[in-house]
Amino acid sequence: MSDFESLKIKGNSAYKQNQFNDAVDFYKKAITHDPNNPVGYSNCAMALIQLKKFEDALQMCQRGLFYFNEQPSRDNKIGEKLKWRLDLCSEQLKDNLVAVKIHEVDELPKKYQNL
């Protein structure tokens, strides 16, 4: 069994026990052993989603999709998972946006004119 597979299994075990921080650590270690394998990124993204770390999860999904697209022979299921997780992160981040009121002015206030 490869180091990647061993660490992925440990991450899966931690994930099933709701130990999401530990799962993230195992998945990140697995990624270092096989950085071209999108499965590590996908699993890590899901653990990060459970921790509500949506920006980090979004980046994991993007990296995973990059490597998935580099190897078209991969199982399409992992690509679908990565896309779904990416969409989930995007929606969560969009929901956290705060509307900013914009006030139009005819003239810039003097204290800002020299900036």
Foldseek 3Di string as FASTA:
>chain_A
DDLLVVLQVVLVVCVVVVVLVSSLVSLVVSCVRPVLALVSLLSNLVSVVSVVVLVSSLVSLVSSLVSCVVDVVDDCVSVVSSVVSNVVSVVVVVVPDDDDDDDDDPDDPPVPPVD
